Protein backbone atom coordinates (compact mmCIF):
# COMPACT_ATOMS: atom_id res chain seq x y z
CA MET A 1 42.18 1.29 -19.10
CA GLU A 2 45.28 -0.08 -17.44
CA ILE A 3 47.69 -2.42 -19.24
CA GLU A 4 51.02 -3.93 -18.30
CA ILE A 5 53.98 -3.39 -20.63
CA ILE A 6 56.84 -5.87 -20.49
CA SER A 7 59.93 -5.20 -22.59
CA PHE A 8 62.79 -7.48 -23.58
CA GLY A 9 66.30 -7.21 -25.00
CA SER A 10 67.49 -3.86 -26.29
CA ILE A 11 63.95 -2.48 -26.05
CA SER A 12 64.15 -2.66 -22.25
CA GLU A 13 66.93 -0.06 -22.42
CA PHE A 14 64.41 2.66 -23.28
CA ILE A 15 61.08 1.14 -22.20
CA GLU A 16 60.96 -0.12 -18.65
CA SER A 17 58.41 -2.76 -17.76
CA GLN A 18 55.50 -0.92 -16.19
CA ARG A 19 51.77 -0.56 -15.76
CA ILE A 20 50.36 2.32 -17.79
CA MET A 21 46.99 3.97 -18.11
CA VAL A 22 45.82 4.43 -21.70
CA GLU A 23 42.62 6.01 -22.93
CA GLY A 24 41.11 5.57 -26.38
CA ILE A 25 43.27 2.56 -27.21
CA SER A 26 41.27 -0.56 -27.91
CA ASP A 27 43.53 -2.59 -30.21
CA THR A 28 47.16 -3.36 -30.95
CA ASP A 29 47.37 -1.03 -33.97
CA ALA A 30 46.35 1.93 -31.81
CA LEU A 31 48.78 0.79 -29.10
CA ILE A 32 51.66 0.64 -31.60
CA THR A 33 50.91 4.21 -32.69
CA PHE A 34 50.79 5.33 -29.03
CA LEU A 35 54.05 3.56 -28.15
CA GLN A 36 55.90 4.91 -31.18
CA GLU A 37 54.84 8.45 -30.27
CA LYS A 38 55.87 7.98 -26.64
CA PHE A 39 59.09 6.07 -27.48
CA PRO A 40 60.35 7.29 -30.90
CA GLU A 41 63.18 4.73 -30.72
CA LEU A 42 60.61 2.06 -31.64
CA GLN A 43 60.18 3.64 -35.07
CA ARG A 44 63.76 2.73 -35.97
CA ILE A 45 63.76 -0.94 -34.98
CA LYS A 46 61.82 -4.10 -35.73
CA TYR A 47 59.87 -5.67 -32.90
CA LYS A 48 56.99 -8.02 -32.16
CA LEU A 49 54.11 -7.73 -29.71
CA ALA A 50 52.62 -10.48 -27.62
CA LEU A 51 49.23 -10.03 -25.98
CA ASN A 52 48.74 -12.14 -22.86
CA LYS A 53 51.60 -14.44 -23.92
CA LYS A 54 50.31 -14.94 -27.49
CA LEU A 55 52.26 -13.49 -30.40
CA VAL A 56 50.22 -10.85 -32.24
CA GLN A 57 50.00 -11.57 -35.98
CA HIS A 58 47.36 -8.96 -36.87
CA ASN A 59 45.38 -6.18 -35.21
CA THR A 60 43.93 -7.56 -31.96
CA LYS A 61 41.54 -6.14 -29.37
CA ILE A 62 43.09 -5.09 -26.03
CA GLY A 63 41.21 -5.19 -22.74
CA ASN A 64 41.70 -3.76 -19.27
CA GLN A 65 44.46 -5.50 -17.28
CA ASP A 66 45.95 -7.14 -20.40
CA THR A 67 49.70 -7.69 -20.63
CA ILE A 68 51.64 -6.57 -23.70
CA ALA A 69 55.18 -7.82 -24.29
CA ILE A 70 57.41 -5.84 -26.68
CA MET A 71 60.20 -8.03 -28.06
CA PRO A 72 63.06 -7.52 -30.48
CA PRO A 73 63.43 -10.02 -33.33
CA PHE A 74 64.43 -13.49 -32.20
CA SER A 75 65.28 -16.79 -33.84
CA GLY A 76 65.00 -20.31 -32.61
CA GLY A 77 66.91 -23.46 -33.11
């Protein structure tokens, strides 16, 4: 399965936006585990995921050609 990873803020310093091939990953929990193994820096910071422009609040299914955004904490005004 191919997914697009988009990173923002300080996360983009160690994860470049890219298309990656992943096998055996069908949901966001499995993707988080995969990303934290591939990019250990993620284990030390807080971040949020968005799947196809929707903020992920709980484990969510991922499909082929989906887009995942990895974002540092943010606040609004």
